[in-house]
Amino acid sequence: MNFADRCNAIEECYEFMLAYAGQGLTTDSGSQSGSQVRQYLRNAVAALTGLVDTVSDEGLTSSAFVKVLDRDAGDSLAAIELVLAQPSISSQLIDNLNASIHLRALLTDLFLIDEVMKLR
């Protein structure tokens, strides 16, 4: 998976989670959205795993920023894995994940890198 594919998977997950959080579901079982939320989260986990390596492959070699991205990706990965480990995923749980500063920092990192790549 290249960097653009990873970014798309992470952004799609976040967008789906915004909609899921607004549904007021108490569990992820019994609805189409409920069954999809785990798949979006798994896709994000796959995209986050090895993300920093693909940034290096794209020629972004700012070691200071790569460290920031690695930390933010790792923190986001830990938060997503915590949610996935739960037997039930409610809209409130996803809303709290959406509000996580770790996930927001990661998204901002990705937007920044995307703009840097456009300038190249």
N, C-alpha and C. Protein backbone atom coordinates (compact mmCIF):
# COMPACT_ATOMS: atom_id res chain seq x y z
N MET A 1 0.86 -1.17 0.00
CA MET A 1 0.00 0.00 0.00
C MET A 1 0.91 1.24 0.00
N ASN A 2 0.66 2.14 -0.95
CA ASN A 2 1.48 3.35 -1.00
C ASN A 2 0.93 4.42 -0.04
N PHE A 3 1.63 5.53 0.04
CA PHE A 3 1.26 6.58 0.99
C PHE A 3 -0.14 7.12 0.72
N ALA A 4 -0.47 7.37 -0.55
CA ALA A 4 -1.80 7.92 -0.88
C ALA A 4 -2.90 6.94 -0.49
N ASP A 5 -2.69 5.66 -0.73
CA ASP A 5 -3.69 4.65 -0.34
C ASP A 5 -3.87 4.62 1.16
N ARG A 6 -2.78 4.73 1.89
CA ARG A 6 -2.85 4.73 3.36
C ARG A 6 -3.62 5.95 3.86
N CYS A 7 -3.32 7.10 3.29
CA CYS A 7 -4.04 8.33 3.68
C CYS A 7 -5.52 8.20 3.41
N ASN A 8 -5.87 7.66 2.25
CA ASN A 8 -7.28 7.49 1.90
C ASN A 8 -7.98 6.58 2.88
N ALA A 9 -7.35 5.48 3.25
CA ALA A 9 -7.97 4.54 4.19
C ALA A 9 -8.20 5.20 5.55
N ILE A 10 -7.23 5.96 6.00
CA ILE A 10 -7.35 6.64 7.30
C ILE A 10 -8.44 7.71 7.26
N GLU A 11 -8.46 8.49 6.18
CA GLU A 11 -9.47 9.54 6.05
C GLU A 11 -10.87 8.95 5.89
N GLU A 12 -11.01 7.87 5.12
CA GLU A 12 -12.30 7.22 4.96
C GLU A 12 -12.81 6.69 6.30
N CYS A 13 -11.91 6.12 7.07
CA CYS A 13 -12.29 5.63 8.40
C CYS A 13 -12.80 6.78 9.26
N TYR A 14 -12.06 7.88 9.28
CA TYR A 14 -12.46 9.02 10.10
C TYR A 14 -13.83 9.54 9.67
N GLU A 15 -14.04 9.67 8.36
CA GLU A 15 -15.32 10.17 7.86
C GLU A 15 -16.47 9.22 8.22
N PHE A 16 -16.22 7.91 8.11
CA PHE A 16 -17.25 6.96 8.49
C PHE A 16 -17.54 7.06 9.98
N MET A 17 -16.49 7.22 10.78
CA MET A 17 -16.68 7.31 12.22
C MET A 17 -17.49 8.54 12.60
N LEU A 18 -17.33 9.64 11.88
CA LEU A 18 -18.14 10.83 12.15
C LEU A 18 -19.63 10.51 11.97
N ALA A 19 -19.94 9.81 10.89
CA ALA A 19 -21.34 9.44 10.65
C ALA A 19 -21.83 8.43 11.68
N TYR A 20 -20.98 7.47 12.01
CA TYR A 20 -21.35 6.43 12.98
C TYR A 20 -21.61 7.04 14.35
N ALA A 21 -20.79 7.98 14.73
CA ALA A 21 -20.95 8.62 16.05
C ALA A 21 -22.28 9.32 16.17
N GLY A 22 -22.79 9.84 15.07
CA GLY A 22 -24.05 10.56 15.09
C GLY A 22 -25.29 9.69 15.10
N GLN A 23 -25.11 8.38 14.99
CA GLN A 23 -26.27 7.49 14.91
C GLN A 23 -26.85 7.10 16.27
N GLY A 24 -26.12 7.33 17.33
CA GLY A 24 -26.63 7.00 18.66
C GLY A 24 -26.76 5.51 18.93
N LEU A 25 -25.93 4.71 18.30
CA LEU A 25 -26.00 3.25 18.49
C LEU A 25 -25.33 2.85 19.80
N THR A 26 -25.93 1.91 20.48
CA THR A 26 -25.34 1.42 21.73
C THR A 26 -24.42 0.24 21.51
N THR A 27 -24.49 -0.36 20.32
CA THR A 27 -23.66 -1.51 19.99
C THR A 27 -23.41 -1.54 18.49
N ASP A 28 -22.39 -2.27 18.09
CA ASP A 28 -22.11 -2.39 16.66
C ASP A 28 -22.78 -3.61 16.03
N SER A 29 -23.53 -4.36 16.80
CA SER A 29 -24.22 -5.52 16.24
C SER A 29 -25.64 -5.15 15.85
N GLY A 30 -26.13 -5.78 14.79
CA GLY A 30 -27.51 -5.59 14.41
C GLY A 30 -27.77 -4.50 13.39
N SER A 31 -26.74 -3.81 12.92
CA SER A 31 -26.96 -2.78 11.91
C SER A 31 -25.84 -2.85 10.87
N GLN A 32 -26.13 -2.36 9.69
CA GLN A 32 -25.12 -2.35 8.64
C GLN A 32 -23.94 -1.46 9.04
N SER A 33 -24.23 -0.31 9.61
CA SER A 33 -23.15 0.59 10.06
C SER A 33 -22.29 -0.07 11.12
N GLY A 34 -22.95 -0.84 11.98
CA GLY A 34 -22.22 -1.53 13.03
C GLY A 34 -21.24 -2.54 12.49
N SER A 35 -21.66 -3.27 11.48
CA SER A 35 -20.75 -4.26 10.91
C SER A 35 -19.63 -3.59 10.12
N GLN A 36 -19.90 -2.42 9.57
CA GLN A 36 -18.89 -1.70 8.79
C GLN A 36 -17.85 -1.01 9.66
N VAL A 37 -18.21 -0.58 10.85
CA VAL A 37 -17.28 0.21 11.65
C VAL A 37 -16.02 -0.57 11.95
N ARG A 38 -16.13 -1.83 12.27
CA ARG A 38 -14.94 -2.64 12.54
C ARG A 38 -14.06 -2.78 11.30
N GLN A 39 -14.68 -2.90 10.13
CA GLN A 39 -13.88 -3.03 8.91
C GLN A 39 -13.12 -1.73 8.62
N TYR A 40 -13.78 -0.60 8.79
CA TYR A 40 -13.09 0.68 8.59
C TYR A 40 -11.93 0.83 9.58
N LEU A 41 -12.16 0.43 10.82
CA LEU A 41 -11.10 0.51 11.82
C LEU A 41 -9.95 -0.44 11.47
N ARG A 42 -10.25 -1.65 10.99
CA ARG A 42 -9.19 -2.57 10.58
C ARG A 42 -8.41 -2.03 9.39
N ASN A 43 -9.11 -1.39 8.47
CA ASN A 43 -8.43 -0.77 7.33
C ASN A 43 -7.49 0.34 7.79
N ALA A 44 -7.91 1.09 8.79
CA ALA A 44 -7.05 2.15 9.33
C ALA A 44 -5.83 1.55 10.02
N VAL A 45 -6.02 0.46 10.74
CA VAL A 45 -4.89 -0.22 11.39
C VAL A 45 -3.88 -0.65 10.33
N ALA A 46 -4.36 -1.25 9.26
CA ALA A 46 -3.46 -1.69 8.18
C ALA A 46 -2.74 -0.50 7.56
N ALA A 47 -3.44 0.61 7.40
CA ALA A 47 -2.83 1.81 6.81
C ALA A 47 -1.80 2.44 7.73
N LEU A 48 -2.05 2.39 9.02
CA LEU A 48 -1.13 2.98 9.99
C LEU A 48 0.13 2.14 10.18
N THR A 49 -0.02 0.84 10.01
CA THR A 49 1.12 -0.06 10.20
C THR A 49 2.07 0.11 9.02
N GLY A 50 3.23 0.66 9.29
CA GLY A 50 4.22 0.90 8.24
C GLY A 50 4.07 2.23 7.53
N LEU A 51 3.21 3.10 8.03
CA LEU A 51 2.98 4.40 7.40
C LEU A 51 4.27 5.20 7.23
N VAL A 52 5.08 5.24 8.25
CA VAL A 52 6.30 6.05 8.21
C VAL A 52 7.25 5.57 7.11
N ASP A 53 7.29 4.27 6.89
CA ASP A 53 8.15 3.74 5.83
C ASP A 53 7.73 4.26 4.46
N THR A 54 6.43 4.39 4.24
CA THR A 54 5.98 4.88 2.93
C THR A 54 6.25 6.37 2.77
N VAL A 55 6.29 7.10 3.86
CA VAL A 55 6.64 8.53 3.78
C VAL A 55 8.09 8.65 3.35
N SER A 56 8.94 7.83 3.91
CA SER A 56 10.35 7.84 3.52
C SER A 56 10.50 7.45 2.06
N ASP A 57 9.68 6.49 1.61
CA ASP A 57 9.71 6.08 0.21
C ASP A 57 9.33 7.22 -0.73
N GLU A 58 8.52 8.14 -0.25
CA GLU A 58 8.09 9.28 -1.05
C GLU A 58 9.13 10.40 -1.07
N GLY A 59 10.22 10.21 -0.35
CA GLY A 59 11.30 11.19 -0.38
C GLY A 59 11.22 12.26 0.70
N LEU A 60 10.32 12.12 1.65
CA LEU A 60 10.25 13.07 2.75
C LEU A 60 11.22 12.60 3.83
N THR A 61 12.31 13.29 3.93
CA THR A 61 13.37 12.81 4.79
C THR A 61 13.61 13.69 6.01
N SER A 62 12.72 14.61 6.27
CA SER A 62 12.87 15.44 7.46
C SER A 62 12.75 14.55 8.70
N SER A 63 13.90 14.22 9.26
CA SER A 63 13.88 13.26 10.36
C SER A 63 13.07 13.77 11.55
N ALA A 64 13.07 15.05 11.79
CA ALA A 64 12.30 15.59 12.92
C ALA A 64 10.81 15.37 12.69
N PHE A 65 10.32 15.66 11.48
CA PHE A 65 8.89 15.49 11.23
C PHE A 65 8.51 14.03 11.12
N VAL A 66 9.39 13.21 10.58
CA VAL A 66 9.11 11.77 10.49
C VAL A 66 8.94 11.20 11.90
N LYS A 67 9.70 11.69 12.86
CA LYS A 67 9.55 11.25 14.26
C LYS A 67 8.18 11.66 14.80
N VAL A 68 7.74 12.86 14.47
CA VAL A 68 6.42 13.33 14.90
C VAL A 68 5.34 12.44 14.31
N LEU A 69 5.43 12.19 13.00
CA LEU A 69 4.45 11.34 12.33
C LEU A 69 4.44 9.94 12.92
N ASP A 70 5.61 9.40 13.18
CA ASP A 70 5.71 8.05 13.75
C ASP A 70 5.03 7.99 15.12
N ARG A 71 5.26 9.01 15.93
CA ARG A 71 4.63 9.06 17.25
C ARG A 71 3.12 9.19 17.14
N ASP A 72 2.66 10.10 16.29
CA ASP A 72 1.22 10.31 16.14
C ASP A 72 0.54 9.08 15.54
N ALA A 73 1.19 8.43 14.59
CA ALA A 73 0.63 7.21 14.01
C ALA A 73 0.57 6.10 15.06
N GLY A 74 1.62 5.97 15.85
CA GLY A 74 1.63 4.95 16.91
C GLY A 74 0.58 5.20 17.96
N ASP A 75 0.42 6.46 18.36
CA ASP A 75 -0.60 6.79 19.36
C ASP A 75 -2.01 6.54 18.81
N SER A 76 -2.24 6.90 17.55
CA SER A 76 -3.54 6.66 16.92
C SER A 76 -3.81 5.17 16.78
N LEU A 77 -2.80 4.43 16.41
CA LEU A 77 -2.92 2.98 16.28
C LEU A 77 -3.31 2.35 17.61
N ALA A 78 -2.69 2.80 18.68
CA ALA A 78 -3.02 2.28 20.01
C ALA A 78 -4.46 2.57 20.37
N ALA A 79 -4.93 3.76 20.07
CA ALA A 79 -6.32 4.13 20.38
C ALA A 79 -7.31 3.30 19.56
N ILE A 80 -7.03 3.12 18.29
CA ILE A 80 -7.92 2.34 17.43
C ILE A 80 -7.94 0.88 17.87
N GLU A 81 -6.78 0.35 18.19
CA GLU A 81 -6.72 -1.04 18.64
C GLU A 81 -7.47 -1.24 19.96
N LEU A 82 -7.44 -0.24 20.82
CA LEU A 82 -8.21 -0.30 22.07
C LEU A 82 -9.71 -0.41 21.76
N VAL A 83 -10.18 0.39 20.83
CA VAL A 83 -11.59 0.35 20.45
C VAL A 83 -11.94 -1.00 19.82
N LEU A 84 -11.10 -1.47 18.91
CA LEU A 84 -11.36 -2.76 18.26
C LEU A 84 -11.39 -3.93 19.25
N ALA A 85 -10.69 -3.81 20.34
CA ALA A 85 -10.64 -4.89 21.33
C ALA A 85 -11.91 -4.99 22.17
N GLN A 86 -12.78 -4.00 22.05
CA GLN A 86 -14.00 -4.00 22.86
C GLN A 86 -15.04 -4.94 22.25
N PRO A 87 -15.80 -5.62 23.08
CA PRO A 87 -16.82 -6.54 22.56
C PRO A 87 -17.96 -5.82 21.84
N SER A 88 -18.15 -4.57 22.14
CA SER A 88 -19.21 -3.78 21.52
C SER A 88 -18.69 -2.37 21.26
N ILE A 89 -19.01 -1.84 20.10
CA ILE A 89 -18.56 -0.49 19.75
C ILE A 89 -19.78 0.40 19.61
N SER A 90 -19.96 1.29 20.56
CA SER A 90 -21.09 2.21 20.54
C SER A 90 -20.73 3.48 19.78
N SER A 91 -21.75 4.23 19.44
CA SER A 91 -21.52 5.54 18.82
C SER A 91 -20.74 6.45 19.75
N GLN A 92 -21.01 6.37 21.04
CA GLN A 92 -20.30 7.21 22.01
C GLN A 92 -18.82 6.86 22.06
N LEU A 93 -18.49 5.59 22.00
CA LEU A 93 -17.09 5.17 21.99
C LEU A 93 -16.38 5.73 20.76
N ILE A 94 -17.03 5.65 19.61
CA ILE A 94 -16.45 6.19 18.37
C ILE A 94 -16.35 7.71 18.45
N ASP A 95 -17.34 8.35 19.05
CA ASP A 95 -17.29 9.81 19.21
C ASP A 95 -16.07 10.20 20.04
N ASN A 96 -15.79 9.43 21.08
CA ASN A 96 -14.61 9.71 21.91
C ASN A 96 -13.32 9.46 21.13
N LEU A 97 -13.30 8.44 20.29
CA LEU A 97 -12.13 8.19 19.44
C LEU A 97 -11.94 9.34 18.46
N ASN A 98 -13.03 9.80 17.87
CA ASN A 98 -12.95 10.95 16.95
C ASN A 98 -12.36 12.18 17.62
N ALA A 99 -12.69 12.36 18.88
CA ALA A 99 -12.22 13.54 19.61
C ALA A 99 -10.78 13.40 20.10
N SER A 100 -10.24 12.21 19.97
CA SER A 100 -8.88 11.97 20.47
C SER A 100 -7.88 12.92 19.81
N ILE A 101 -7.09 13.56 20.61
CA ILE A 101 -6.06 14.47 20.10
C ILE A 101 -5.04 13.70 19.26
N HIS A 102 -4.87 12.44 19.56
CA HIS A 102 -3.92 11.63 18.81
C HIS A 102 -4.36 11.47 17.36
N LEU A 103 -5.62 11.14 17.18
CA LEU A 103 -6.15 10.96 15.83
C LEU A 103 -6.20 12.29 15.09
N ARG A 104 -6.56 13.34 15.76
CA ARG A 104 -6.60 14.66 15.12
C ARG A 104 -5.21 15.13 14.72
N ALA A 105 -4.23 14.86 15.57
CA ALA A 105 -2.84 15.22 15.23
C ALA A 105 -2.38 14.44 14.00
N LEU A 106 -2.71 13.16 13.96
CA LEU A 106 -2.33 12.34 12.81
C LEU A 106 -2.95 12.89 11.52
N LEU A 107 -4.23 13.19 11.55
CA LEU A 107 -4.89 13.73 10.36
C LEU A 107 -4.24 15.02 9.90
N THR A 108 -3.91 15.89 10.84
CA THR A 108 -3.24 17.14 10.51
C THR A 108 -1.86 16.86 9.90
N ASP A 109 -1.14 15.90 10.44
CA ASP A 109 0.16 15.50 9.87
C ASP A 109 -0.01 15.08 8.42
N LEU A 110 -1.02 14.25 8.17
CA LEU A 110 -1.24 13.74 6.81
C LEU A 110 -1.61 14.86 5.85
N PHE A 111 -2.43 15.79 6.30
CA PHE A 111 -2.79 16.93 5.45
C PHE A 111 -1.55 17.77 5.13
N LEU A 112 -0.70 17.96 6.12
CA LEU A 112 0.53 18.72 5.92
C LEU A 112 1.44 18.03 4.91
N ILE A 113 1.64 16.74 5.09
CA ILE A 113 2.49 16.00 4.16
C ILE A 113 1.92 16.03 2.75
N ASP A 114 0.61 15.89 2.64
CA ASP A 114 -0.03 15.94 1.34
C ASP A 114 0.25 17.27 0.63
N GLU A 115 0.16 18.36 1.37
CA GLU A 115 0.44 19.67 0.77
C GLU A 115 1.92 19.80 0.40
N VAL A 116 2.81 19.29 1.21
CA VAL A 116 4.24 19.32 0.88
C VAL A 116 4.49 18.53 -0.41
N MET A 117 3.86 17.39 -0.53
CA MET A 117 4.05 16.57 -1.74
C MET A 117 3.52 17.26 -2.98
N LYS A 118 2.44 18.02 -2.84
CA LYS A 118 1.90 18.75 -3.98
C LYS A 118 2.87 19.82 -4.47
N LEU A 119 3.68 20.35 -3.56
CA LEU A 119 4.63 21.40 -3.92
C LEU A 119 5.87 20.85 -4.62
N ARG A 120 6.05 19.55 -4.55
CA ARG A 120 7.25 18.93 -5.15
C ARG A 120 7.05 18.67 -6.60
